[in-house]
Amino acid sequence: MWYAIIIVGGLIVLIVGASVLATRRSAKYRNARGGMLKQQSAELLQKGDYRGALRKDLKALSIFEKTGYDRARVATHIAVARISLALDELPQAVAHLETAYRDSRKPEYEQFHIESAELLGDCAMQQRNPQAAADYYKESADLEEEETSDDRFPSQRVPLPGGGQVITGRPLLEVVMRRVYALLGRANVARAHIAAGDFGQARNILQGVVTSLEAVKDPQEPQAGVGLHAAYLFQIMAGGGLPLENVSKFMDDVRRASRMALAELDRREEGSDAVERACRVLLSYRPMIAQALRRFKFG
């Protein structure tokens, strides 16, 4: 009798242990572990521990490669590359970016392709290969402008509890900021042409940026374009969001900076210092815009 009880108890322990082990080995459990590692990486980055963050991201990447969680894998390749660049480890950054660049050439991965192409442009500039940098920057800028075009950007899909999704309007300021962020990406292309010694082409690109920014009209007006006007109507129907004057002020600031940059070029003609400085003025808006866009994403 006692032997039977002991044997049954032992079998129960073995079954429970096997079940726990199987759960821990499941893709869902491992992906959750990868997500936790990435959160730890972000916390270490905030503390300035880049080496620690890199170790966490590399462990997460190994998990995602084994489970086949493809979006997380591609995103983590880019994250590892960013940290590697901060640590001046260019070859490792390029290797991870080339993988992300190659594997993001498919639908729904456009943002990964935009990021990896732009970062490969940064790497090519460090490698003193301005022509390759110009090609990468142009690909990134063209795709980002396409993604923020009038017919593609006024709305977003929001998941619902229990499955399904609903299409809602994006905040008006988000629509404007994403469009401006995309347009300012051309300044990177101009920088690459400067490095290649083609100052005339760089100036033409910057003139195009100014022209495109001037074309971003008041979203209240139908001639502003389908995307901007639709975002404005969504905001009116939702009865919330930032006041319209915030959008107008933001656009006035960016336009003023772009016109001043171009005026500086006209005064100095085609001097490389003036063109480079003009590019930097325009690109200085991008980190500010990116920070604001993160608030839209997580707030």
Protein backbone atom coordinates (compact mmCIF):
# COMPACT_ATOMS: atom_id res chain seq x y z
CA MET A 1 0.00 0.00 0.00
CA TRP A 2 2.67 2.46 1.02
CA TYR A 3 4.81 1.47 -1.92
CA ALA A 4 1.89 2.23 -4.27
CA ILE A 5 1.35 5.64 -2.70
CA ILE A 6 5.04 6.48 -3.02
CA ILE A 7 5.10 5.35 -6.64
CA VAL A 8 1.98 7.36 -7.52
CA GLY A 9 3.38 10.42 -5.71
CA GLY A 10 6.62 10.10 -7.59
CA LEU A 11 4.78 9.86 -10.90
CA ILE A 12 2.79 13.00 -10.08
CA VAL A 13 5.99 14.89 -9.30
CA LEU A 14 7.53 13.71 -12.57
CA ILE A 15 4.45 14.71 -14.56
CA VAL A 16 4.26 18.16 -12.93
CA GLY A 17 7.99 18.66 -13.45
CA ALA A 18 7.75 17.63 -17.10
CA SER A 19 4.81 19.97 -17.59
CA VAL A 20 6.70 22.90 -16.07
CA LEU A 21 9.75 22.09 -18.20
CA ALA A 22 7.62 21.85 -21.35
CA THR A 23 6.03 25.21 -20.55
CA ARG A 24 9.42 26.83 -20.06
CA ARG A 25 10.56 25.40 -23.36
CA SER A 26 7.49 26.64 -25.23
CA ALA A 27 7.94 29.43 -27.78
CA LYS A 28 5.50 31.66 -25.91
CA TYR A 29 7.43 31.36 -22.65
CA ARG A 30 10.79 31.92 -24.35
CA ASN A 31 9.51 34.92 -26.29
CA ALA A 32 8.26 36.41 -23.03
CA ARG A 33 11.73 35.83 -21.62
CA GLY A 34 13.19 37.62 -24.64
CA GLY A 35 10.86 40.54 -24.08
CA MET A 36 11.95 40.77 -20.44
CA LEU A 37 15.60 40.78 -21.52
CA LYS A 38 14.90 43.65 -23.91
CA GLN A 39 13.20 45.60 -21.13
CA GLN A 40 16.27 45.04 -18.95
CA SER A 41 18.44 46.24 -21.85
CA ALA A 42 16.43 49.47 -22.07
CA GLU A 43 16.83 50.05 -18.33
CA LEU A 44 20.59 49.49 -18.55
CA LEU A 45 20.83 51.92 -21.46
CA GLN A 46 19.15 54.59 -19.34
CA LYS A 47 21.87 54.04 -16.73
CA GLY A 48 24.61 54.29 -19.37
CA ASP A 49 25.59 50.61 -19.13
CA TYR A 50 25.95 49.92 -22.86
CA ARG A 51 27.92 46.70 -22.42
CA GLY A 52 25.30 45.28 -20.08
CA ALA A 53 22.52 46.32 -22.45
CA LEU A 54 24.31 44.70 -25.38
CA ARG A 55 24.59 41.39 -23.51
CA LYS A 56 20.87 41.43 -22.73
CA ASP A 57 19.91 42.19 -26.34
CA LEU A 58 22.20 39.48 -27.70
CA LYS A 59 20.57 36.94 -25.37
CA ALA A 60 17.14 38.12 -26.52
CA LEU A 61 18.23 37.87 -30.15
CA SER A 62 19.35 34.27 -29.61
CA ILE A 63 15.91 33.43 -28.19
CA PHE A 64 14.00 35.05 -31.05
CA GLU A 65 16.16 33.28 -33.62
CA LYS A 66 15.32 29.91 -32.05
CA THR A 67 11.59 30.56 -31.62
CA GLY A 68 11.10 32.13 -35.04
CA TYR A 69 9.62 35.36 -33.62
CA ASP A 70 10.64 37.21 -36.76
CA ARG A 71 9.57 40.80 -36.07
CA ALA A 72 11.29 40.75 -32.68
CA ARG A 73 14.38 39.21 -34.27
CA VAL A 74 14.69 41.92 -36.94
CA ALA A 75 13.99 44.69 -34.41
CA THR A 76 16.63 43.29 -32.06
CA HIS A 77 19.24 43.16 -34.82
CA ILE A 78 18.68 46.92 -35.19
CA ALA A 79 18.83 47.46 -31.42
CA VAL A 80 22.14 45.57 -31.20
CA ALA A 81 23.49 47.65 -34.10
CA ARG A 82 22.56 50.93 -32.38
CA ILE A 83 24.37 49.92 -29.19
CA SER A 84 27.36 48.69 -31.21
CA LEU A 85 27.58 52.06 -32.93
CA ALA A 86 27.50 53.80 -29.54
CA LEU A 87 30.41 51.57 -28.52
CA ASP A 88 32.32 52.37 -31.75
CA GLU A 89 32.10 48.76 -32.86
CA LEU A 90 31.38 49.48 -36.51
CA PRO A 91 31.91 45.98 -38.04
CA GLN A 92 29.46 44.37 -35.60
CA ALA A 93 26.92 47.14 -36.23
CA VAL A 94 27.19 46.71 -40.01
CA ALA A 95 26.76 42.93 -39.76
CA HIS A 96 23.54 43.23 -37.75
CA LEU A 97 22.21 46.05 -39.93
CA GLU A 98 22.83 44.12 -43.14
CA THR A 99 20.79 41.23 -41.72
CA ALA A 100 17.94 43.56 -40.70
CA TYR A 101 18.11 45.38 -44.06
CA ARG A 102 17.92 42.10 -45.98
CA ASP A 103 15.17 40.53 -43.84
CA SER A 104 12.93 43.63 -43.73
CA ARG A 105 12.21 43.65 -47.47
CA LYS A 106 8.61 42.51 -47.04
CA PRO A 107 5.16 43.92 -46.21
CA GLU A 108 4.58 45.22 -42.67
CA TYR A 109 8.34 45.51 -42.08
CA GLU A 110 8.72 48.90 -43.74
CA GLN A 111 9.74 50.76 -40.58
CA PHE A 112 12.52 48.26 -39.94
CA HIS A 113 13.76 48.75 -43.50
CA ILE A 114 13.69 52.53 -43.11
CA GLU A 115 15.71 52.35 -39.87
CA SER A 116 18.26 49.83 -41.10
CA ALA A 117 18.84 51.70 -44.38
CA GLU A 118 19.39 55.02 -42.59
CA LEU A 119 21.78 53.45 -40.08
CA LEU A 120 23.69 51.75 -42.89
CA GLY A 121 24.00 55.23 -44.40
CA ASP A 122 25.53 56.42 -41.12
CA CYS A 123 27.95 53.49 -41.20
CA ALA A 124 28.92 54.18 -44.81
CA MET A 125 29.69 57.79 -43.86
CA GLN A 126 31.99 56.54 -41.10
CA GLN A 127 33.63 54.22 -43.63
CA ARG A 128 34.17 57.23 -45.93
CA ASN A 129 31.96 55.82 -48.66
CA PRO A 130 29.63 58.77 -49.35
CA GLN A 131 28.13 57.33 -52.53
CA ALA A 132 26.93 54.21 -50.70
CA ALA A 133 25.70 56.46 -47.88
CA ALA A 134 23.71 58.59 -50.33
CA ASP A 135 22.08 55.47 -51.79
CA TYR A 136 21.09 54.13 -48.36
CA TYR A 137 19.87 57.53 -47.15
CA LYS A 138 17.82 58.07 -50.29
CA GLU A 139 16.19 54.65 -50.02
CA SER A 140 15.29 55.32 -46.40
CA ALA A 141 13.97 58.83 -47.08
CA ASP A 142 11.95 57.77 -50.14
CA LEU A 143 10.30 54.89 -48.28
CA GLU A 144 9.53 57.03 -45.25
CA GLU A 145 7.93 59.71 -47.42
CA GLU A 146 5.88 57.00 -49.12
CA GLU A 147 4.77 55.66 -45.74
CA THR A 148 3.61 59.13 -44.64
CA SER A 149 1.93 60.06 -47.91
CA ASP A 150 -1.63 61.38 -48.05
CA ASP A 151 -3.29 58.13 -49.10
CA ARG A 152 -1.58 55.92 -46.50
CA PHE A 153 -1.22 57.75 -43.23
CA PRO A 154 -4.40 59.40 -41.92
CA SER A 155 -5.54 56.37 -39.90
CA GLN A 156 -4.21 53.45 -37.86
CA ARG A 157 -5.32 49.96 -36.82
CA VAL A 158 -5.90 49.51 -33.09
CA PRO A 159 -6.22 45.95 -31.65
CA LEU A 160 -9.31 45.13 -29.61
CA PRO A 161 -9.47 42.92 -26.50
CA GLY A 162 -10.20 39.34 -27.50
CA GLY A 163 -9.03 39.81 -31.06
CA GLY A 164 -10.05 41.95 -33.99
CA GLN A 165 -9.13 45.54 -34.63
CA VAL A 166 -10.65 48.93 -35.35
CA ILE A 167 -9.44 51.73 -37.59
CA THR A 168 -9.11 55.09 -35.83
CA GLY A 169 -7.78 58.49 -36.77
CA ARG A 170 -4.22 59.40 -35.85
CA PRO A 171 -3.72 62.59 -33.79
CA LEU A 172 -3.33 65.53 -36.13
CA LEU A 173 0.03 66.59 -34.71
CA GLU A 174 1.35 63.03 -35.15
CA VAL A 175 0.41 63.09 -38.84
CA VAL A 176 2.18 66.42 -39.36
CA MET A 177 5.26 65.45 -37.35
CA ARG A 178 5.72 62.13 -39.13
CA ARG A 179 5.45 63.84 -42.49
CA VAL A 180 7.98 66.51 -41.53
CA TYR A 181 10.31 63.89 -40.04
CA ALA A 182 10.23 62.05 -43.37
CA LEU A 183 10.90 65.19 -45.41
CA LEU A 184 13.84 66.19 -43.22
CA GLY A 185 15.41 62.81 -43.91
CA ARG A 186 16.49 64.21 -47.28
CA ALA A 187 19.03 66.36 -45.44
CA ASN A 188 20.99 63.16 -44.80
CA VAL A 189 21.14 62.57 -48.55
CA ALA A 190 22.47 66.11 -48.97
CA ARG A 191 25.16 65.48 -46.33
CA ALA A 192 26.36 62.43 -48.25
CA HIS A 193 26.61 64.48 -51.46
CA ILE A 194 28.62 67.10 -49.56
CA ALA A 195 31.05 64.39 -48.46
CA ALA A 196 31.31 63.29 -52.09
CA GLY A 197 32.10 66.88 -53.13
CA ASP A 198 28.85 67.40 -55.05
CA PHE A 199 27.73 70.65 -53.39
CA GLY A 200 25.36 71.62 -56.19
CA GLN A 201 23.35 68.41 -55.78
CA ALA A 202 23.28 68.91 -52.02
CA ARG A 203 21.86 72.40 -52.45
CA ASN A 204 19.23 71.15 -54.91
CA ILE A 205 18.11 68.56 -52.36
CA LEU A 206 17.82 71.18 -49.62
CA GLN A 207 15.85 73.45 -51.93
CA GLY A 208 13.48 70.52 -52.45
CA VAL A 209 13.10 70.12 -48.69
CA VAL A 210 12.14 73.77 -48.34
CA THR A 211 9.65 73.51 -51.20
CA SER A 212 8.07 70.36 -49.74
CA LEU A 213 7.76 71.92 -46.30
CA GLU A 214 6.08 74.96 -47.79
CA ALA A 215 3.62 72.60 -49.47
CA VAL A 216 2.38 71.25 -46.12
CA LYS A 217 -0.76 73.36 -45.90
CA ASP A 218 -3.11 74.23 -43.06
CA PRO A 219 -4.91 70.92 -42.36
CA GLN A 220 -8.25 72.72 -41.98
CA GLU A 221 -8.26 73.33 -45.72
CA PRO A 222 -9.24 70.54 -48.15
CA GLN A 223 -6.32 71.51 -50.44
CA ALA A 224 -3.97 70.42 -47.65
CA GLY A 225 -4.27 66.91 -49.08
CA VAL A 226 -6.32 63.85 -48.26
CA GLY A 227 -4.12 62.74 -45.37
CA LEU A 228 -3.81 66.00 -43.46
CA HIS A 229 -7.41 67.03 -43.99
CA ALA A 230 -8.65 63.56 -43.01
CA ALA A 231 -6.57 63.73 -39.82
CA TYR A 232 -8.12 67.11 -39.06
CA LEU A 233 -11.64 65.72 -39.57
CA PHE A 234 -10.85 62.68 -37.40
CA GLN A 235 -9.73 65.02 -34.62
CA ILE A 236 -12.89 67.13 -34.89
CA MET A 237 -15.08 64.00 -34.70
CA ALA A 238 -13.10 62.64 -31.74
CA GLY A 239 -13.53 65.93 -29.94
CA GLY A 240 -10.03 65.94 -28.53
CA GLY A 241 -6.38 66.13 -29.37
CA LEU A 242 -4.00 69.04 -29.44
CA PRO A 243 -5.27 72.44 -30.54
CA LEU A 244 -4.76 73.24 -34.21
CA GLU A 245 -2.57 76.24 -33.37
CA ASN A 246 0.04 73.80 -32.00
CA VAL A 247 0.28 72.23 -35.45
CA SER A 248 0.58 75.62 -37.13
CA LYS A 249 3.26 76.81 -34.69
CA PHE A 250 5.29 73.66 -35.17
CA MET A 251 5.18 74.00 -38.96
CA ASP A 252 6.08 77.71 -38.76
CA ASP A 253 9.17 76.87 -36.68
CA VAL A 254 10.39 74.18 -39.08
CA ARG A 255 9.71 76.29 -42.17
CA ARG A 256 11.57 79.24 -40.63
CA ALA A 257 14.59 77.03 -39.90
CA SER A 258 14.58 75.62 -43.42
CA ARG A 259 14.36 79.07 -45.05
CA MET A 260 17.19 80.38 -42.84
CA ALA A 261 19.34 77.38 -43.79
CA LEU A 262 18.76 78.01 -47.47
CA ALA A 263 19.45 81.75 -47.06
CA GLU A 264 22.77 80.88 -45.45
CA LEU A 265 23.61 78.76 -48.47
CA ASP A 266 22.77 81.64 -50.80
CA ARG A 267 25.06 83.97 -48.89
CA ARG A 268 27.94 81.51 -48.87
CA GLU A 269 27.15 80.08 -52.29
CA GLU A 270 28.41 76.47 -52.41
CA GLY A 271 30.89 76.42 -49.53
CA SER A 272 30.92 72.96 -47.94
CA ASP A 273 30.85 74.35 -44.38
CA ALA A 274 27.69 76.33 -45.08
CA VAL A 275 25.93 73.39 -46.72
CA GLU A 276 26.90 71.03 -43.90
CA ARG A 277 25.71 73.56 -41.31
CA ALA A 278 22.40 73.95 -43.16
CA CYS A 279 21.89 70.18 -43.12
CA ARG A 280 22.63 70.04 -39.40
CA VAL A 281 20.07 72.76 -38.70
CA LEU A 282 17.34 70.76 -40.40
CA LEU A 283 18.39 67.42 -38.92
CA SER A 284 18.42 68.92 -35.42
CA TYR A 285 14.61 68.81 -35.50
CA ARG A 286 14.50 65.04 -36.00
CA PRO A 287 15.46 63.92 -32.44
CA MET A 288 12.88 66.32 -31.02
CA ILE A 289 10.22 64.96 -33.39
CA ALA A 290 11.20 61.36 -32.63
CA GLN A 291 10.79 61.99 -28.90
CA ALA A 292 7.34 63.47 -29.45
CA LEU A 293 6.35 60.52 -31.65
CA ARG A 294 7.36 58.05 -28.94
CA ARG A 295 4.88 59.79 -26.65
CA PHE A 296 2.16 59.18 -29.24
CA LYS A 297 3.16 55.51 -29.46
CA PHE A 298 3.35 54.75 -25.75
CA GLY A 299 1.18 57.45 -24.23
